[in-house]
């Protein structure tokens, strides 16, 4: 049985926390793509899903470089921005159109488009696997962050966070392994269950 997919997003904030509550900071390299997962209440399953910039002044469902894909059976839609340019930097919101109004929900996303690679990134934004199987995600970090604590969290579940200070740490079905030579943290989730389908975050924290 296929699980659907895991939404993987990266927070490029070395503090490991957001500077303001409710804001998620993401750094993306120019010309690269970013996909943001937006979880919504079941009551919005039939409403149009939107990706909005700044003070809800500009909203998109589809565009030349933007696409919104809905997965109503999972209560999630994704907003994908492709070939990002500097002018795409800004504050974005997940939103729905309901009752003739556009309503934002959840955290806002502060997206900054930069010239070089960000301090933290993942090789695959979304991965999928079979029930009972295994999935692996690789997180790439910069050379200056070799000795920074790496943390892996499930969305909206701070108690689920798992951090690695040394080379490898395992808890339940999750293993984090750090390779400071190649600057890669590998996250492995085994014995997959249907309820594992979710968004997960990777972040860096100073020691």
C-alpha atoms as a PDB file:
ATOM      1  CA  UNK A   1       0.000   0.000   0.000  1.00  0.00           C
ATOM      2  CA  UNK A   2       1.382   3.425  -0.992  1.00  0.00           C
ATOM      3  CA  UNK A   3       1.417   6.049   1.760  1.00  0.00           C
ATOM      4  CA  UNK A   4       1.000   9.054  -0.471  1.00  0.00           C
ATOM      5  CA  UNK A   5       4.003  11.193   0.312  1.00  0.00           C
ATOM      6  CA  UNK A   6       5.959  12.989   2.973  1.00  0.00           C
ATOM      7  CA  UNK A   7       6.207  16.750   2.683  1.00  0.00           C
ATOM      8  CA  UNK A   8       9.722  17.885   3.492  1.00  0.00           C
ATOM      9  CA  UNK A   9      10.470  21.556   4.034  1.00  0.00           C
ATOM     10  CA  UNK A  10      13.668  23.213   5.206  1.00  0.00           C
ATOM     11  CA  UNK A  11      14.040  26.089   7.644  1.00  0.00           C
ATOM     12  CA  UNK A  12      17.285  27.938   6.965  1.00  0.00           C
ATOM     13  CA  UNK A  13      17.495  29.560  10.396  1.00  0.00           C
ATOM     14  CA  UNK A  14      20.550  28.735  12.466  1.00  0.00           C
ATOM     15  CA  UNK A  15      18.909  29.654  15.754  1.00  0.00           C
ATOM     16  CA  UNK A  16      16.525  26.763  15.376  1.00  0.00           C
ATOM     17  CA  UNK A  17      13.620  29.017  16.297  1.00  0.00           C
ATOM     18  CA  UNK A  18      11.750  31.654  14.382  1.00  0.00           C
ATOM     19  CA  UNK A  19      12.488  35.281  15.213  1.00  0.00           C
ATOM     20  CA  UNK A  20       8.758  35.908  15.577  1.00  0.00           C
ATOM     21  CA  UNK A  21       6.136  33.390  16.551  1.00  0.00           C
ATOM     22  CA  UNK A  22       4.082  32.238  13.590  1.00  0.00           C
ATOM     23  CA  UNK A  23       6.746  33.001  10.981  1.00  0.00           C
ATOM     24  CA  UNK A  24       8.759  30.326   9.203  1.00  0.00           C
ATOM     25  CA  UNK A  25      11.925  31.481   7.442  1.00  0.00           C
ATOM     26  CA  UNK A  26      13.091  29.722   4.296  1.00  0.00           C
ATOM     27  CA  UNK A  27      16.125  30.602   2.153  1.00  0.00           C
ATOM     28  CA  UNK A  28      16.114  29.448  -1.485  1.00  0.00           C
ATOM     29  CA  UNK A  29      18.828  29.767  -4.117  1.00  0.00           C
ATOM     30  CA  UNK A  30      18.065  31.767  -7.269  1.00  0.00           C
ATOM     31  CA  UNK A  31      16.608  29.686 -10.129  1.00  0.00           C
ATOM     32  CA  UNK A  32      15.668  26.902  -7.709  1.00  0.00           C
ATOM     33  CA  UNK A  33      12.177  25.723  -6.731  1.00  0.00           C
ATOM     34  CA  UNK A  34      10.421  25.546  -3.384  1.00  0.00           C
ATOM     35  CA  UNK A  35       7.305  23.612  -2.348  1.00  0.00           C
ATOM     36  CA  UNK A  36       5.311  24.606   0.733  1.00  0.00           C
ATOM     37  CA  UNK A  37       2.723  22.272   2.339  1.00  0.00           C
ATOM     38  CA  UNK A  38      -0.500  23.838   3.622  1.00  0.00           C
ATOM     39  CA  UNK A  39      -2.702  21.745   5.916  1.00  0.00           C
ATOM     40  CA  UNK A  40      -6.340  22.795   6.099  1.00  0.00           C
ATOM     41  CA  UNK A  41      -9.507  21.904   7.999  1.00  0.00           C
ATOM     42  CA  UNK A  42     -11.880  19.395   6.379  1.00  0.00           C
ATOM     43  CA  UNK A  43     -14.537  22.090   6.068  1.00  0.00           C
ATOM     44  CA  UNK A  44     -12.370  23.724   3.383  1.00  0.00           C
ATOM     45  CA  UNK A  45     -11.993  20.561   1.283  1.00  0.00           C
ATOM     46  CA  UNK A  46     -14.184  21.932  -1.541  1.00  0.00           C
ATOM     47  CA  UNK A  47     -12.925  25.517  -1.400  1.00  0.00           C
ATOM     48  CA  UNK A  48     -10.383  26.986  -3.775  1.00  0.00           C
ATOM     49  CA  UNK A  49      -6.842  26.868  -2.416  1.00  0.00           C
ATOM     50  CA  UNK A  50      -4.586  29.908  -2.801  1.00  0.00           C
ATOM     51  CA  UNK A  51      -0.993  30.993  -2.230  1.00  0.00           C
ATOM     52  CA  UNK A  52      -0.877  34.674  -1.249  1.00  0.00           C
ATOM     53  CA  UNK A  53       1.946  37.203  -1.028  1.00  0.00           C
ATOM     54  CA  UNK A  54       2.415  40.046   1.456  1.00  0.00           C
ATOM     55  CA  UNK A  55      -0.825  41.412   2.979  1.00  0.00           C
ATOM     56  CA  UNK A  56      -3.049  39.087   0.949  1.00  0.00           C
ATOM     57  CA  UNK A  57      -2.727  41.630  -1.881  1.00  0.00           C
ATOM     58  CA  UNK A  58      -1.776  39.052  -4.513  1.00  0.00           C
ATOM     59  CA  UNK A  59      -3.036  35.465  -4.506  1.00  0.00           C
ATOM     60  CA  UNK A  60      -2.392  32.618  -6.911  1.00  0.00           C
ATOM     61  CA  UNK A  61      -3.998  29.291  -7.715  1.00  0.00           C
ATOM     62  CA  UNK A  62      -1.959  28.812 -10.898  1.00  0.00           C
ATOM     63  CA  UNK A  63       0.605  30.895 -12.735  1.00  0.00           C
ATOM     64  CA  UNK A  64       3.622  30.762 -15.026  1.00  0.00           C
ATOM     65  CA  UNK A  65       5.981  29.962 -12.153  1.00  0.00           C
ATOM     66  CA  UNK A  66       3.469  29.025  -9.442  1.00  0.00           C
ATOM     67  CA  UNK A  67       1.215  25.997  -9.079  1.00  0.00           C
ATOM     68  CA  UNK A  68      -1.173  24.941  -6.323  1.00  0.00           C
ATOM     69  CA  UNK A  69      -1.978  21.229  -6.015  1.00  0.00           C
ATOM     70  CA  UNK A  70      -4.713  19.992  -3.699  1.00  0.00           C
ATOM     71  CA  UNK A  71      -4.767  16.606  -1.924  1.00  0.00           C
ATOM     72  CA  UNK A  72      -8.226  16.689  -0.254  1.00  0.00           C
ATOM     73  CA  UNK A  73      -7.990  13.103   0.994  1.00  0.00           C
ATOM     74  CA  UNK A  74      -5.005  14.193   3.101  1.00  0.00           C
ATOM     75  CA  UNK A  75      -6.237  17.674   3.992  1.00  0.00           C
ATOM     76  CA  UNK A  76      -3.178  19.261   2.401  1.00  0.00           C
ATOM     77  CA  UNK A  77      -2.381  21.398  -0.608  1.00  0.00           C
ATOM     78  CA  UNK A  78       1.060  22.368  -1.848  1.00  0.00           C
ATOM     79  CA  UNK A  79       2.224  25.652  -3.321  1.00  0.00           C
ATOM     80  CA  UNK A  80       5.210  25.315  -5.644  1.00  0.00           C
ATOM     81  CA  UNK A  81       7.245  28.306  -6.811  1.00  0.00           C
ATOM     82  CA  UNK A  82       9.646  27.587  -9.667  1.00  0.00           C
ATOM     83  CA  UNK A  83      12.786  29.342 -10.965  1.00  0.00           C
ATOM     84  CA  UNK A  84      12.770  31.815  -8.083  1.00  0.00           C
ATOM     85  CA  UNK A  85      14.209  35.299  -8.572  1.00  0.00           C
ATOM     86  CA  UNK A  86      15.227  37.973  -6.060  1.00  0.00           C
ATOM     87  CA  UNK A  87      11.935  39.848  -6.513  1.00  0.00           C
ATOM     88  CA  UNK A  88      10.080  36.726  -5.325  1.00  0.00           C
ATOM     89  CA  UNK A  89      11.388  37.314  -1.798  1.00  0.00           C
ATOM     90  CA  UNK A  90       8.629  38.234   0.607  1.00  0.00           C
ATOM     91  CA  UNK A  91       6.014  37.019   3.084  1.00  0.00           C
ATOM     92  CA  UNK A  92       3.579  34.358   1.881  1.00  0.00           C
ATOM     93  CA  UNK A  93       0.445  32.756   3.298  1.00  0.00           C
ATOM     94  CA  UNK A  94      -1.613  29.629   2.724  1.00  0.00           C
ATOM     95  CA  UNK A  95      -5.227  30.627   2.086  1.00  0.00           C
ATOM     96  CA  UNK A  96      -8.642  29.459   0.931  1.00  0.00           C
ATOM     97  CA  UNK A  97     -11.459  31.298  -0.804  1.00  0.00           C
ATOM     98  CA  UNK A  98     -14.639  30.740   1.193  1.00  0.00           C
ATOM     99  CA  UNK A  99     -17.894  32.684   1.260  1.00  0.00           C
ATOM    100  CA  UNK A 100     -16.507  35.209  -1.209  1.00  0.00           C
ATOM    101  CA  UNK A 101     -13.587  35.977   1.099  1.00  0.00           C
ATOM    102  CA  UNK A 102      -9.924  35.022   1.022  1.00  0.00           C
ATOM    103  CA  UNK A 103      -8.907  33.624   4.389  1.00  0.00           C
ATOM    104  CA  UNK A 104      -5.296  32.995   5.366  1.00  0.00           C
ATOM    105  CA  UNK A 105      -4.452  30.308   7.891  1.00  0.00           C
ATOM    106  CA  UNK A 106      -1.467  28.807   9.655  1.00  0.00           C
ATOM    107  CA  UNK A 107       2.018  30.288   9.812  1.00  0.00           C
ATOM    108  CA  UNK A 108       3.333  32.840   7.363  1.00  0.00           C
ATOM    109  CA  UNK A 109       6.407  31.960   5.301  1.00  0.00           C
ATOM    110  CA  UNK A 110       9.235  34.462   4.942  1.00  0.00           C
ATOM    111  CA  UNK A 111      10.961  33.397   1.747  1.00  0.00           C
ATOM    112  CA  UNK A 112      14.337  34.924   0.909  1.00  0.00           C
ATOM    113  CA  UNK A 113      15.895  34.257  -2.485  1.00  0.00           C
ATOM    114  CA  UNK A 114      19.695  34.312  -2.334  1.00  0.00           C
ATOM    115  CA  UNK A 115      22.523  34.034  -4.863  1.00  0.00           C
ATOM    116  CA  UNK A 116      24.414  31.095  -3.428  1.00  0.00           C
ATOM    117  CA  UNK A 117      23.184  27.860  -1.870  1.00  0.00           C
ATOM    118  CA  UNK A 118      21.412  28.194   1.511  1.00  0.00           C
ATOM    119  CA  UNK A 119      23.028  26.928   4.701  1.00  0.00           C
ATOM    120  CA  UNK A 120      20.505  24.113   4.800  1.00  0.00           C
ATOM    121  CA  UNK A 121      18.627  22.283   2.046  1.00  0.00           C
ATOM    122  CA  UNK A 122      17.176  18.898   1.147  1.00  0.00           C
ATOM    123  CA  UNK A 123      17.711  16.807  -1.965  1.00  0.00           C
ATOM    124  CA  UNK A 124      14.059  15.802  -2.264  1.00  0.00           C
ATOM    125  CA  UNK A 125      11.228  18.092  -1.183  1.00  0.00           C
ATOM    126  CA  UNK A 126       8.728  15.214  -1.257  1.00  0.00           C
ATOM    127  CA  UNK A 127       9.319  11.506  -0.827  1.00  0.00           C
ATOM    128  CA  UNK A 128       6.954   8.547  -0.722  1.00  0.00           C
ATOM    129  CA  UNK A 129       7.126   4.967   0.432  1.00  0.00           C
ATOM    130  CA  UNK A 130       5.152   1.798   0.997  1.00  0.00           C
ATOM    131  CA  UNK A 131       3.506   0.854   4.260  1.00  0.00           C
ATOM    132  CA  UNK A 132       5.964  -1.213   6.282  1.00  0.00           C
ATOM    133  CA  UNK A 133       8.872   0.042   4.187  1.00  0.00           C
ATOM    134  CA  UNK A 134      11.578   2.683   4.644  1.00  0.00           C
ATOM    135  CA  UNK A 135      12.175   6.217   3.370  1.00  0.00           C
ATOM    136  CA  UNK A 136      15.401   8.211   3.491  1.00  0.00           C
ATOM    137  CA  UNK A 137      15.858  11.969   3.228  1.00  0.00           C
ATOM    138  CA  UNK A 138      19.218  13.706   2.845  1.00  0.00           C
ATOM    139  CA  UNK A 139      19.718  17.196   4.268  1.00  0.00           C
ATOM    140  CA  UNK A 140      22.703  19.202   3.034  1.00  0.00           C
ATOM    141  CA  UNK A 141      24.444  21.842   5.150  1.00  0.00           C
ATOM    142  CA  UNK A 142      27.345  24.253   4.682  1.00  0.00           C
ATOM    143  CA  UNK A 143      30.921  23.638   5.805  1.00  0.00           C
ATOM    144  CA  UNK A 144      30.675  26.297   8.525  1.00  0.00           C
ATOM    145  CA  UNK A 145      27.801  24.375  10.085  1.00  0.00           C
ATOM    146  CA  UNK A 146      29.666  21.107  10.600  1.00  0.00           C
ATOM    147  CA  UNK A 147      29.507  21.382  14.357  1.00  0.00           C
ATOM    148  CA  UNK A 148      26.026  22.866  14.635  1.00  0.00           C
ATOM    149  CA  UNK A 149      23.345  20.675  16.208  1.00  0.00           C
ATOM    150  CA  UNK A 150      20.983  19.229  13.605  1.00  0.00           C
ATOM    151  CA  UNK A 151      17.317  18.761  14.480  1.00  0.00           C
ATOM    152  CA  UNK A 152      14.508  16.884  12.751  1.00  0.00           C
ATOM    153  CA  UNK A 153      10.879  17.619  13.716  1.00  0.00           C
ATOM    154  CA  UNK A 154       7.392  16.669  12.720  1.00  0.00           C
ATOM    155  CA  UNK A 155       5.144  19.615  11.890  1.00  0.00           C
ATOM    156  CA  UNK A 156       3.318  21.106  14.879  1.00  0.00           C
ATOM    157  CA  UNK A 157       4.783  18.433  17.167  1.00  0.00           C
ATOM    158  CA  UNK A 158       7.760  19.905  19.031  1.00  0.00           C
ATOM    159  CA  UNK A 159       7.922  16.852  21.296  1.00  0.00           C
ATOM    160  CA  UNK A 160       8.669  14.760  18.225  1.00  0.00           C
ATOM    161  CA  UNK A 161      11.942  16.618  17.560  1.00  0.00           C
ATOM    162  CA  UNK A 162      15.097  14.521  17.391  1.00  0.00           C
ATOM    163  CA  UNK A 163      18.528  16.153  17.515  1.00  0.00           C
ATOM    164  CA  UNK A 164      21.985  14.845  16.691  1.00  0.00           C
ATOM    165  CA  UNK A 165      25.124  16.218  18.368  1.00  0.00           C
ATOM    166  CA  UNK A 166      27.527  13.522  17.231  1.00  0.00           C
ATOM    167  CA  UNK A 167      27.323  11.072  14.373  1.00  0.00           C
ATOM    168  CA  UNK A 168      24.171   9.018  14.845  1.00  0.00           C
ATOM    169  CA  UNK A 169      21.080   9.025  17.026  1.00  0.00           C
ATOM    170  CA  UNK A 170      18.080   6.697  16.881  1.00  0.00           C
ATOM    171  CA  UNK A 171      14.680   6.947  18.529  1.00  0.00           C
ATOM    172  CA  UNK A 172      11.776   4.635  17.817  1.00  0.00           C
ATOM    173  CA  UNK A 173      11.717   4.292  14.024  1.00  0.00           C
ATOM    174  CA  UNK A 174      13.807   7.348  13.155  1.00  0.00           C
ATOM    175  CA  UNK A 175      17.591   7.454  12.691  1.00  0.00           C
ATOM    176  CA  UNK A 176      19.637  10.630  12.134  1.00  0.00           C
ATOM    177  CA  UNK A 177      23.159  10.157  10.820  1.00  0.00           C
ATOM    178  CA  UNK A 178      25.646  12.998  10.215  1.00  0.00           C
ATOM    179  CA  UNK A 179      28.511  12.851   7.720  1.00  0.00           C
ATOM    180  CA  UNK A 180      30.640  15.956   8.274  1.00  0.00           C
ATOM    181  CA  UNK A 181      33.021  15.047   5.445  1.00  0.00           C
ATOM    182  CA  UNK A 182      30.302  15.304   2.805  1.00  0.00           C
ATOM    183  CA  UNK A 183      28.171  17.659   4.961  1.00  0.00           C
ATOM    184  CA  UNK A 184      25.065  15.497   4.778  1.00  0.00           C
ATOM    185  CA  UNK A 185      22.575  14.536   7.445  1.00  0.00           C
ATOM    186  CA  UNK A 186      20.618  11.426   6.510  1.00  0.00           C
ATOM    187  CA  UNK A 187      17.188  10.856   8.053  1.00  0.00           C
ATOM    188  CA  UNK A 188      15.772   7.334   7.847  1.00  0.00           C
ATOM    189  CA  UNK A 189      12.223   6.431   8.856  1.00  0.00           C
ATOM    190  CA  UNK A 190      11.493   2.704   9.000  1.00  0.00           C
ATOM    191  CA  UNK A 191       8.402   0.489   9.310  1.00  0.00           C
ATOM    192  CA  UNK A 192       6.262   3.165   7.700  1.00  0.00           C
ATOM    193  CA  UNK A 193       2.696   3.607   8.872  1.00  0.00           C
ATOM    194  CA  UNK A 194      -0.153   5.353   7.135  1.00  0.00           C
ATOM    195  CA  UNK A 195      -0.254   8.066   9.801  1.00  0.00           C
ATOM    196  CA  UNK A 196       3.393   8.963   9.063  1.00  0.00           C
ATOM    197  CA  UNK A 197       2.230  11.012   6.086  1.00  0.00           C
ATOM    198  CA  UNK A 198       2.960  14.584   7.159  1.00  0.00           C
ATOM    199  CA  UNK A 199       5.292  17.554   6.874  1.00  0.00           C
ATOM    200  CA  UNK A 200       8.696  17.345   8.575  1.00  0.00           C
ATOM    201  CA  UNK A 201      11.237  20.078   9.304  1.00  0.00           C
ATOM    202  CA  UNK A 202      15.006  20.106   9.446  1.00  0.00           C
ATOM    203  CA  UNK A 203      16.871  22.903  11.195  1.00  0.00           C
ATOM    204  CA  UNK A 204      20.265  23.967  12.530  1.00  0.00           C
ATOM    205  CA  UNK A 205      20.930  25.093  16.085  1.00  0.00           C
ATOM    206  CA  UNK A 206      24.148  26.566  17.546  1.00  0.00           C
ATOM    207  CA  UNK A 207      25.765  24.502  20.274  1.00  0.00           C
END
